[in-house]
Amino acid sequence: MKITGRHLVVTPALKQHIESRFERLGRYEVKLSRMEVILSVSKLQHAAEVVCSMQGRRIQAKASTQEMYATIDQLVDRLGVQIRKYKERQADHKEPTKRSIRKPLRPVPRKEVEEEEEELEVIRPIRAVLTLEDAKRRLAAPPGSLVVFTSLSSGKLQILQRVDRDRVVLIEP
């Protein structure tokens, strides 16, 4: 981390404040490289700017207030927002099947059915993302057993059913 002061002497207390505030960015678990902090004073305005690289991407933030310590705090917050947005964009590019697993399924509300009609219970099993071999291992031994899963290779919903002791069929809806 390189700290530069324009029209300002960077005191050890100011340097320690900057380093302690930038340590908070460690919680985002990204490596910031070539970090340069530039502090300046112009009349009653205290300005701060940071330029750094994160995984080959250049990030820059600026802040300006009437007090240098508040300016540094604001600068770190703005840099944190950019890092958080970057990480969210990275998470959004994952396969949609993996995102659906994280969401807990809520039970389907049962509607009142007329007395004449047969009551139908709706069950929505949790679909795991598995390879075909993993699905075979999870399939229970009794005939009629089912495993509902999303194929890791194709991303499609598939059902594996044991027909008898030695025979397993793959159902693609």
C-alpha atoms as a PDB file:
ATOM      1  CA  MET A   1       0.000   0.000   0.000  1.00  0.00           C
ATOM      2  CA  LYS A   2       1.410   3.317  -1.065  1.00  0.00           C
ATOM      3  CA  ILE A   3       0.106   6.413   0.739  1.00  0.00           C
ATOM      4  CA  THR A   4       0.809   9.824  -0.818  1.00  0.00           C
ATOM      5  CA  GLY A   5      -0.091  13.251   0.522  1.00  0.00           C
ATOM      6  CA  ARG A   6      -0.574  16.302  -1.688  1.00  0.00           C
ATOM      7  CA  HIS A   7      -0.270  19.556   0.225  1.00  0.00           C
ATOM      8  CA  LEU A   8      -0.471  17.392   3.326  1.00  0.00           C
ATOM      9  CA  VAL A   9       1.961  15.592   5.626  1.00  0.00           C
ATOM     10  CA  VAL A  10       0.933  11.969   6.202  1.00  0.00           C
ATOM     11  CA  THR A  11       1.329  11.472   9.953  1.00  0.00           C
ATOM     12  CA  PRO A  12       1.821   8.031  11.542  1.00  0.00           C
ATOM     13  CA  ALA A  13      -1.661   8.325  13.131  1.00  0.00           C
ATOM     14  CA  LEU A  14      -3.222   9.058   9.739  1.00  0.00           C
ATOM     15  CA  LYS A  15      -1.315   6.164   8.163  1.00  0.00           C
ATOM     16  CA  GLN A  16      -2.453   3.794  10.926  1.00  0.00           C
ATOM     17  CA  HIS A  17      -6.084   4.931  10.487  1.00  0.00           C
ATOM     18  CA  ILE A  18      -5.897   4.239   6.744  1.00  0.00           C
ATOM     19  CA  GLU A  19      -4.374   0.776   7.246  1.00  0.00           C
ATOM     20  CA  SER A  20      -6.912  -0.195   9.919  1.00  0.00           C
ATOM     21  CA  ARG A  21      -9.844   0.865   7.735  1.00  0.00           C
ATOM     22  CA  PHE A  22      -8.538  -0.971   4.673  1.00  0.00           C
ATOM     23  CA  GLU A  23      -8.124  -4.153   6.748  1.00  0.00           C
ATOM     24  CA  ARG A  24     -11.936  -4.327   6.879  1.00  0.00           C
ATOM     25  CA  LEU A  25     -11.928  -5.086   3.157  1.00  0.00           C
ATOM     26  CA  GLY A  26     -10.317  -8.440   3.949  1.00  0.00           C
ATOM     27  CA  ARG A  27     -13.739  -9.877   4.760  1.00  0.00           C
ATOM     28  CA  TYR A  28     -14.576  -9.880   1.035  1.00  0.00           C
ATOM     29  CA  GLU A  29     -11.836 -12.475   0.487  1.00  0.00           C
ATOM     30  CA  VAL A  30     -10.331 -10.787  -2.568  1.00  0.00           C
ATOM     31  CA  LYS A  31      -6.726  -9.850  -3.126  1.00  0.00           C
ATOM     32  CA  LEU A  32      -6.205  -6.141  -3.742  1.00  0.00           C
ATOM     33  CA  SER A  33      -2.873  -5.413  -5.403  1.00  0.00           C
ATOM     34  CA  ARG A  34      -0.969  -2.242  -6.300  1.00  0.00           C
ATOM     35  CA  MET A  35      -3.022  -0.192  -3.884  1.00  0.00           C
ATOM     36  CA  GLU A  36      -2.295   3.534  -3.954  1.00  0.00           C
ATOM     37  CA  VAL A  37      -4.001   6.012  -1.635  1.00  0.00           C
ATOM     38  CA  ILE A  38      -3.709   9.721  -2.456  1.00  0.00           C
ATOM     39  CA  LEU A  39      -4.709  12.304   0.166  1.00  0.00           C
ATOM     40  CA  SER A  40      -5.033  15.999  -0.584  1.00  0.00           C
ATOM     41  CA  VAL A  41      -6.206  19.226   1.029  1.00  0.00           C
ATOM     42  CA  SER A  42      -7.614  22.194  -0.871  1.00  0.00           C
ATOM     43  CA  LYS A  43      -8.845  25.084   1.287  1.00  0.00           C
ATOM     44  CA  LEU A  44     -11.364  23.404   3.632  1.00  0.00           C
ATOM     45  CA  GLN A  45     -11.959  20.284   1.528  1.00  0.00           C
ATOM     46  CA  HIS A  46     -10.131  17.059   2.381  1.00  0.00           C
ATOM     47  CA  ALA A  47     -10.079  14.615  -0.521  1.00  0.00           C
ATOM     48  CA  ALA A  48      -8.929  11.021  -0.784  1.00  0.00           C
ATOM     49  CA  GLU A  49      -8.598   8.704  -3.745  1.00  0.00           C
ATOM     50  CA  VAL A  50      -7.678   5.046  -4.004  1.00  0.00           C
ATOM     51  CA  VAL A  51      -6.593   3.152  -7.107  1.00  0.00           C
ATOM     52  CA  CYS A  52      -5.968  -0.581  -6.954  1.00  0.00           C
ATOM     53  CA  SER A  53      -6.216  -3.799  -8.932  1.00  0.00           C
ATOM     54  CA  MET A  54      -8.402  -6.743  -8.050  1.00  0.00           C
ATOM     55  CA  GLN A  55      -7.947  -9.921 -10.088  1.00  0.00           C
ATOM     56  CA  GLY A  56      -6.686  -7.916 -13.057  1.00  0.00           C
ATOM     57  CA  ARG A  57      -9.480  -5.354 -12.844  1.00  0.00           C
ATOM     58  CA  ARG A  58      -8.763  -1.697 -11.992  1.00  0.00           C
ATOM     59  CA  ILE A  59     -10.872  -0.208  -9.213  1.00  0.00           C
ATOM     60  CA  GLN A  60     -10.942   3.456  -8.261  1.00  0.00           C
ATOM     61  CA  ALA A  61     -12.845   5.374  -5.602  1.00  0.00           C
ATOM     62  CA  LYS A  62     -12.895   9.029  -4.526  1.00  0.00           C
ATOM     63  CA  ALA A  63     -14.315  10.803  -1.504  1.00  0.00           C
ATOM     64  CA  SER A  64     -14.283  14.356  -0.182  1.00  0.00           C
ATOM     65  CA  THR A  65     -15.459  15.886   3.119  1.00  0.00           C
ATOM     66  CA  GLN A  66     -14.362  18.596   5.525  1.00  0.00           C
ATOM     67  CA  GLU A  67     -12.425  16.188   7.758  1.00  0.00           C
ATOM     68  CA  MET A  68      -9.721  13.752   6.613  1.00  0.00           C
ATOM     69  CA  TYR A  69     -10.681  10.841   8.900  1.00  0.00           C
ATOM     70  CA  ALA A  70     -14.316  10.967   7.719  1.00  0.00           C
ATOM     71  CA  THR A  71     -13.079  11.144   4.130  1.00  0.00           C
ATOM     72  CA  ILE A  72     -11.023   7.971   4.599  1.00  0.00           C
ATOM     73  CA  ASP A  73     -13.997   6.150   6.127  1.00  0.00           C
ATOM     74  CA  GLN A  74     -16.199   7.188   3.209  1.00  0.00           C
ATOM     75  CA  LEU A  75     -13.502   6.125   0.740  1.00  0.00           C
ATOM     76  CA  VAL A  76     -13.277   2.628   2.229  1.00  0.00           C
ATOM     77  CA  ASP A  77     -17.083   2.313   2.160  1.00  0.00           C
ATOM     78  CA  ARG A  78     -17.182   3.251  -1.529  1.00  0.00           C
ATOM     79  CA  LEU A  79     -14.434   0.774  -2.365  1.00  0.00           C
ATOM     80  CA  GLY A  80     -16.305  -1.913  -0.401  1.00  0.00           C
ATOM     81  CA  VAL A  81     -19.451  -1.266  -2.450  1.00  0.00           C
ATOM     82  CA  GLN A  82     -17.516  -1.783  -5.694  1.00  0.00           C
ATOM     83  CA  ILE A  83     -15.953  -5.014  -4.433  1.00  0.00           C
ATOM     84  CA  ARG A  84     -19.338  -6.300  -3.252  1.00  0.00           C
ATOM     85  CA  LYS A  85     -20.913  -5.537  -6.664  1.00  0.00           C
ATOM     86  CA  TYR A  86     -18.064  -7.326  -8.417  1.00  0.00           C
ATOM     87  CA  LYS A  87     -18.479 -10.413  -6.230  1.00  0.00           C
ATOM     88  CA  GLU A  88     -22.263 -10.424  -6.742  1.00  0.00           C
ATOM     89  CA  ARG A  89     -21.780 -10.306 -10.510  1.00  0.00           C
ATOM     90  CA  GLN A  90     -19.416 -13.257 -10.257  1.00  0.00           C
ATOM     91  CA  ALA A  91     -21.985 -15.234  -8.248  1.00  0.00           C
ATOM     92  CA  ASP A  92     -24.783 -14.449 -10.754  1.00  0.00           C
ATOM     93  CA  HIS A  93     -22.895 -16.199 -13.570  1.00  0.00           C
ATOM     94  CA  LYS A  94     -23.129 -19.623 -11.954  1.00  0.00           C
ATOM     95  CA  GLU A  95     -25.383 -22.293 -13.445  1.00  0.00           C
ATOM     96  CA  PRO A  96     -29.058 -21.701 -12.655  1.00  0.00           C
ATOM     97  CA  THR A  97     -29.405 -25.269 -11.353  1.00  0.00           C
ATOM     98  CA  LYS A  98     -26.895 -24.606  -8.600  1.00  0.00           C
ATOM     99  CA  ARG A  99     -28.752 -21.467  -7.482  1.00  0.00           C
ATOM    100  CA  SER A 100     -32.052 -23.327  -7.219  1.00  0.00           C
ATOM    101  CA  ILE A 101     -30.591 -25.847  -4.769  1.00  0.00           C
ATOM    102  CA  ARG A 102     -29.736 -23.151  -2.248  1.00  0.00           C
ATOM    103  CA  LYS A 103     -33.330 -21.944  -2.045  1.00  0.00           C
ATOM    104  CA  PRO A 104     -35.330 -23.973   0.447  1.00  0.00           C
ATOM    105  CA  LEU A 105     -38.550 -25.274  -1.022  1.00  0.00           C
ATOM    106  CA  ARG A 106     -41.667 -24.195   0.753  1.00  0.00           C
ATOM    107  CA  PRO A 107     -44.619 -26.548   1.028  1.00  0.00           C
ATOM    108  CA  VAL A 108     -47.391 -26.122  -1.505  1.00  0.00           C
ATOM    109  CA  PRO A 109     -50.545 -24.809   0.170  1.00  0.00           C
ATOM    110  CA  ARG A 110     -53.312 -27.341   0.032  1.00  0.00           C
ATOM    111  CA  LYS A 111     -56.569 -26.122  -1.505  1.00  0.00           C
ATOM    112  CA  GLU A 112     -59.877 -27.238  -0.199  1.00  0.00           C
ATOM    113  CA  VAL A 113     -61.260 -29.896  -2.457  1.00  0.00           C
ATOM    114  CA  GLU A 114     -64.912 -30.711  -2.924  1.00  0.00           C
ATOM    115  CA  GLU A 115     -66.089 -33.873  -1.204  1.00  0.00           C
ATOM    116  CA  GLU A 116     -66.776 -35.605  -4.508  1.00  0.00           C
ATOM    117  CA  GLU A 117     -63.238 -35.237  -5.854  1.00  0.00           C
ATOM    118  CA  GLU A 118     -60.306 -37.351  -4.759  1.00  0.00           C
ATOM    119  CA  GLU A 119     -57.776 -35.468  -2.626  1.00  0.00           C
ATOM    120  CA  LEU A 120     -54.354 -35.046  -4.291  1.00  0.00           C
ATOM    121  CA  GLU A 121     -51.235 -34.310  -2.291  1.00  0.00           C
ATOM    122  CA  VAL A 122     -48.475 -32.444  -4.129  1.00  0.00           C
ATOM    123  CA  ILE A 123     -44.883 -33.247  -3.139  1.00  0.00           C
ATOM    124  CA  ARG A 124     -41.934 -31.305  -4.531  1.00  0.00           C
ATOM    125  CA  PRO A 125     -38.712 -33.134  -3.699  1.00  0.00           C
ATOM    126  CA  ILE A 126     -35.415 -31.294  -3.452  1.00  0.00           C
ATOM    127  CA  ARG A 127     -33.461 -31.890  -6.644  1.00  0.00           C
ATOM    128  CA  ALA A 128     -29.769 -32.470  -6.219  1.00  0.00           C
ATOM    129  CA  VAL A 129     -27.229 -31.763  -8.959  1.00  0.00           C
ATOM    130  CA  LEU A 130     -25.620 -35.164  -9.525  1.00  0.00           C
ATOM    131  CA  THR A 131     -23.785 -37.224 -12.066  1.00  0.00           C
ATOM    132  CA  LEU A 132     -25.539 -40.357 -13.283  1.00  0.00           C
ATOM    133  CA  GLU A 133     -23.184 -42.540 -11.230  1.00  0.00           C
ATOM    134  CA  ASP A 134     -23.910 -40.563  -8.027  1.00  0.00           C
ATOM    135  CA  ALA A 135     -27.645 -40.876  -8.667  1.00  0.00           C
ATOM    136  CA  LYS A 136     -27.295 -44.664  -9.077  1.00  0.00           C
ATOM    137  CA  ARG A 137     -25.490 -44.861  -5.732  1.00  0.00           C
ATOM    138  CA  ARG A 138     -28.316 -42.930  -4.023  1.00  0.00           C
ATOM    139  CA  LEU A 139     -31.027 -45.144  -5.489  1.00  0.00           C
ATOM    140  CA  ALA A 140     -32.532 -47.451  -2.872  1.00  0.00           C
ATOM    141  CA  ALA A 141     -32.592 -51.246  -3.382  1.00  0.00           C
ATOM    142  CA  PRO A 142     -36.378 -51.982  -3.411  1.00  0.00           C
ATOM    143  CA  PRO A 143     -38.090 -52.009  -6.847  1.00  0.00           C
ATOM    144  CA  GLY A 144     -40.044 -48.818  -7.516  1.00  0.00           C
ATOM    145  CA  SER A 145     -37.487 -46.561  -5.783  1.00  0.00           C
ATOM    146  CA  LEU A 146     -36.939 -43.153  -7.400  1.00  0.00           C
ATOM    147  CA  VAL A 147     -34.193 -40.517  -7.394  1.00  0.00           C
ATOM    148  CA  VAL A 148     -35.093 -37.088  -8.830  1.00  0.00           C
ATOM    149  CA  PHE A 149     -32.010 -35.088  -9.768  1.00  0.00           C
ATOM    150  CA  THR A 150     -30.598 -32.489 -12.117  1.00  0.00           C
ATOM    151  CA  SER A 151     -27.901 -33.866 -14.386  1.00  0.00           C
ATOM    152  CA  LEU A 152     -24.527 -32.252 -13.762  1.00  0.00           C
ATOM    153  CA  SER A 153     -23.522 -32.607 -17.420  1.00  0.00           C
ATOM    154  CA  SER A 154     -26.714 -31.402 -19.145  1.00  0.00           C
ATOM    155  CA  GLY A 155     -28.486 -29.385 -16.419  1.00  0.00           C
ATOM    156  CA  LYS A 156     -31.773 -31.191 -17.218  1.00  0.00           C
ATOM    157  CA  LEU A 157     -34.198 -32.735 -14.761  1.00  0.00           C
ATOM    158  CA  GLN A 158     -33.945 -36.523 -14.731  1.00  0.00           C
ATOM    159  CA  ILE A 159     -35.528 -39.368 -12.797  1.00  0.00           C
ATOM    160  CA  LEU A 160     -33.822 -42.667 -12.045  1.00  0.00           C
ATOM    161  CA  GLN A 161     -36.123 -45.619 -11.179  1.00  0.00           C
ATOM    162  CA  ARG A 162     -35.291 -49.120 -10.032  1.00  0.00           C
ATOM    163  CA  VAL A 163     -37.568 -51.495 -11.961  1.00  0.00           C
ATOM    164  CA  ASP A 164     -36.310 -54.717 -10.390  1.00  0.00           C
ATOM    165  CA  ARG A 165     -33.210 -55.870  -8.530  1.00  0.00           C
ATOM    166  CA  ASP A 166     -30.841 -55.688 -11.531  1.00  0.00           C
ATOM    167  CA  ARG A 167     -32.601 -53.167 -13.786  1.00  0.00           C
ATOM    168  CA  VAL A 168     -32.540 -49.354 -13.520  1.00  0.00           C
ATOM    169  CA  VAL A 169     -34.222 -46.976 -15.998  1.00  0.00           C
ATOM    170  CA  LEU A 170     -33.534 -43.301 -16.648  1.00  0.00           C
ATOM    171  CA  ILE A 171     -36.625 -41.139 -17.191  1.00  0.00           C
ATOM    172  CA  GLU A 172     -36.182 -37.795 -18.934  1.00  0.00           C
ATOM    173  CA  PRO A 173     -39.351 -35.718 -18.545  1.00  0.00           C
END
